[in-house]
Amino acid sequence: MEKWADFLISAVRYNAQKTHIDKVRSHKDEGDNVGTGEETTREDIVRKIKEGKTFVTIYKSNDKWKKGEDVRIVDIDGQEYIRTDRNRTKKDNLGELPEF
């Protein structure tokens, strides 16, 4: 399997208002394997993206990991949001990932 990104995100936890991510379950992309998941804060994701690291969402289908969407920072009126799309909605959005 080719490497999809530096890190892979398989689940998300949003704040009570569902506007910002509190944490994600992230894994190192080891090429042939998806690394063990660990909780990562939103701040760590933003910092790593700014440092040039890449993130992609992943999901399981038939017991195999499948590549989802690229994760990016979108600036809306001076506020940074983590999104898989370029929508201008003022909230984080990583698609249909399961919540934990």
C-alpha atoms as a PDB file:
ATOM      1  CA  MET A   1       0.000   0.000   0.000  1.00  0.00           C
ATOM      2  CA  GLU A   2       1.368   3.423  -0.849  1.00  0.00           C
ATOM      3  CA  LYS A   3       1.644   6.015   1.887  1.00  0.00           C
ATOM      4  CA  TRP A   4      -1.376   8.362   1.908  1.00  0.00           C
ATOM      5  CA  ALA A   5      -0.083  11.041   4.326  1.00  0.00           C
ATOM      6  CA  ASP A   6       2.102  11.551   7.373  1.00  0.00           C
ATOM      7  CA  PHE A   7      -0.882  11.007   9.682  1.00  0.00           C
ATOM      8  CA  LEU A   8      -4.316   9.415   9.326  1.00  0.00           C
ATOM      9  CA  ILE A   9      -7.461  10.406  11.248  1.00  0.00           C
ATOM     10  CA  SER A  10     -10.039   7.698  11.974  1.00  0.00           C
ATOM     11  CA  ALA A  11     -12.357   9.311  14.577  1.00  0.00           C
ATOM     12  CA  VAL A  12     -13.165  12.715  16.012  1.00  0.00           C
ATOM     13  CA  ARG A  13     -14.506  14.326  19.175  1.00  0.00           C
ATOM     14  CA  TYR A  14     -16.200  17.730  18.844  1.00  0.00           C
ATOM     15  CA  ASN A  15     -16.922  20.321  21.529  1.00  0.00           C
ATOM     16  CA  ALA A  16     -20.473  20.580  22.936  1.00  0.00           C
ATOM     17  CA  GLN A  17     -21.493  23.144  20.294  1.00  0.00           C
ATOM     18  CA  LYS A  18     -20.075  20.964  17.455  1.00  0.00           C
ATOM     19  CA  THR A  19     -18.109  23.957  16.145  1.00  0.00           C
ATOM     20  CA  HIS A  20     -14.573  22.851  16.973  1.00  0.00           C
ATOM     21  CA  ILE A  21     -12.746  19.588  17.312  1.00  0.00           C
ATOM     22  CA  ASP A  22     -11.458  18.765  20.792  1.00  0.00           C
ATOM     23  CA  LYS A  23      -9.420  15.717  19.783  1.00  0.00           C
ATOM     24  CA  VAL A  24      -9.015  13.178  17.002  1.00  0.00           C
ATOM     25  CA  ARG A  25      -7.806   9.613  16.894  1.00  0.00           C
ATOM     26  CA  SER A  26      -4.705   9.838  14.711  1.00  0.00           C
ATOM     27  CA  HIS A  27      -2.385   7.157  13.391  1.00  0.00           C
ATOM     28  CA  LYS A  28       1.017   7.289  11.729  1.00  0.00           C
ATOM     29  CA  ASP A  29       0.844   6.227   8.109  1.00  0.00           C
ATOM     30  CA  GLU A  30       3.429   3.439   7.944  1.00  0.00           C
ATOM     31  CA  GLY A  31       2.866   2.700   4.264  1.00  0.00           C
ATOM     32  CA  ASP A  32       1.931  -0.968   4.586  1.00  0.00           C
ATOM     33  CA  ASN A  33       0.232  -0.468   7.958  1.00  0.00           C
ATOM     34  CA  VAL A  34      -1.916   1.997   9.828  1.00  0.00           C
ATOM     35  CA  GLY A  35      -0.159   2.746  13.114  1.00  0.00           C
ATOM     36  CA  THR A  36      -1.776   2.453  16.520  1.00  0.00           C
ATOM     37  CA  GLY A  37      -4.329   5.201  17.148  1.00  0.00           C
ATOM     38  CA  GLU A  38      -3.700   7.877  19.738  1.00  0.00           C
ATOM     39  CA  GLU A  39      -5.654  10.920  20.830  1.00  0.00           C
ATOM     40  CA  THR A  40      -4.297  14.127  19.348  1.00  0.00           C
ATOM     41  CA  THR A  41      -5.477  17.644  20.172  1.00  0.00           C
ATOM     42  CA  ARG A  42      -6.764  20.099  17.626  1.00  0.00           C
ATOM     43  CA  GLU A  43      -3.842  22.417  18.435  1.00  0.00           C
ATOM     44  CA  ASP A  44      -1.342  19.648  17.615  1.00  0.00           C
ATOM     45  CA  ILE A  45      -3.007  19.029  14.256  1.00  0.00           C
ATOM     46  CA  VAL A  46      -2.934  22.729  13.333  1.00  0.00           C
ATOM     47  CA  ARG A  47       0.723  23.007  14.393  1.00  0.00           C
ATOM     48  CA  LYS A  48       1.746  19.916  12.426  1.00  0.00           C
ATOM     49  CA  ILE A  49      -0.083  21.056   9.269  1.00  0.00           C
ATOM     50  CA  LYS A  50       1.678  24.434   9.523  1.00  0.00           C
ATOM     51  CA  GLU A  51       4.992  22.555   9.869  1.00  0.00           C
ATOM     52  CA  GLY A  52       4.247  20.793   6.566  1.00  0.00           C
ATOM     53  CA  LYS A  53       2.874  17.474   7.849  1.00  0.00           C
ATOM     54  CA  THR A  54      -0.050  15.974   5.951  1.00  0.00           C
ATOM     55  CA  PHE A  55      -3.271  14.441   7.286  1.00  0.00           C
ATOM     56  CA  VAL A  56      -5.932  12.328   5.589  1.00  0.00           C
ATOM     57  CA  THR A  57      -9.141  10.889   7.003  1.00  0.00           C
ATOM     58  CA  ILE A  58      -9.567   7.110   6.892  1.00  0.00           C
ATOM     59  CA  TYR A  59     -12.477   4.744   7.386  1.00  0.00           C
ATOM     60  CA  LYS A  60     -12.945   0.994   7.589  1.00  0.00           C
ATOM     61  CA  SER A  61     -14.786  -0.936   4.921  1.00  0.00           C
ATOM     62  CA  ASN A  62     -14.882  -4.752   4.953  1.00  0.00           C
ATOM     63  CA  ASP A  63     -12.195  -4.747   7.689  1.00  0.00           C
ATOM     64  CA  LYS A  64      -9.772  -2.742   5.505  1.00  0.00           C
ATOM     65  CA  TRP A  65      -8.753   0.880   5.893  1.00  0.00           C
ATOM     66  CA  LYS A  66      -9.789   3.137   3.015  1.00  0.00           C
ATOM     67  CA  LYS A  67      -8.464   6.580   2.210  1.00  0.00           C
ATOM     68  CA  GLY A  68     -10.842   9.468   2.858  1.00  0.00           C
ATOM     69  CA  GLU A  69     -10.171  13.156   2.260  1.00  0.00           C
ATOM     70  CA  ASP A  70      -7.204  15.480   2.737  1.00  0.00           C
ATOM     71  CA  VAL A  71      -7.351  17.562   5.915  1.00  0.00           C
ATOM     72  CA  ARG A  72      -6.515  21.259   5.610  1.00  0.00           C
ATOM     73  CA  ILE A  73      -6.719  24.503   7.520  1.00  0.00           C
ATOM     74  CA  VAL A  74      -9.307  26.960   6.194  1.00  0.00           C
ATOM     75  CA  ASP A  75      -9.121  30.581   7.378  1.00  0.00           C
ATOM     76  CA  ILE A  76     -12.515  32.253   7.702  1.00  0.00           C
ATOM     77  CA  ASP A  77     -12.490  35.862   8.896  1.00  0.00           C
ATOM     78  CA  GLY A  78      -9.174  35.336  10.696  1.00  0.00           C
ATOM     79  CA  GLN A  79     -10.289  32.131  12.474  1.00  0.00           C
ATOM     80  CA  GLU A  80      -8.702  28.811  11.498  1.00  0.00           C
ATOM     81  CA  TYR A  81     -10.851  25.738  10.995  1.00  0.00           C
ATOM     82  CA  ILE A  82      -9.817  22.157  10.226  1.00  0.00           C
ATOM     83  CA  ARG A  83     -11.788  20.849   7.258  1.00  0.00           C
ATOM     84  CA  THR A  84     -11.816  18.241   4.525  1.00  0.00           C
ATOM     85  CA  ASP A  85     -13.563  20.680   2.195  1.00  0.00           C
ATOM     86  CA  ARG A  86     -13.151  24.368   1.387  1.00  0.00           C
ATOM     87  CA  ASN A  87     -16.620  25.276   2.611  1.00  0.00           C
ATOM     88  CA  ARG A  88     -16.794  28.677   4.347  1.00  0.00           C
ATOM     89  CA  THR A  89     -18.936  27.420   7.253  1.00  0.00           C
ATOM     90  CA  LYS A  90     -17.473  28.614  10.555  1.00  0.00           C
ATOM     91  CA  LYS A  91     -16.806  25.227  12.128  1.00  0.00           C
ATOM     92  CA  ASP A  92     -14.426  22.303  11.927  1.00  0.00           C
ATOM     93  CA  ASN A  93     -15.576  19.491   9.652  1.00  0.00           C
ATOM     94  CA  LEU A  94     -13.834  16.182   8.995  1.00  0.00           C
ATOM     95  CA  GLY A  95     -16.728  14.604   7.136  1.00  0.00           C
ATOM     96  CA  GLU A  96     -18.557  11.525   8.382  1.00  0.00           C
ATOM     97  CA  LEU A  97     -15.921  10.176  10.759  1.00  0.00           C
ATOM     98  CA  PRO A  98     -17.214   8.312  13.788  1.00  0.00           C
ATOM     99  CA  GLU A  99     -17.182  10.232  17.066  1.00  0.00           C
ATOM    100  CA  PHE A 100     -15.560   8.986  20.255  1.00  0.00           C
END
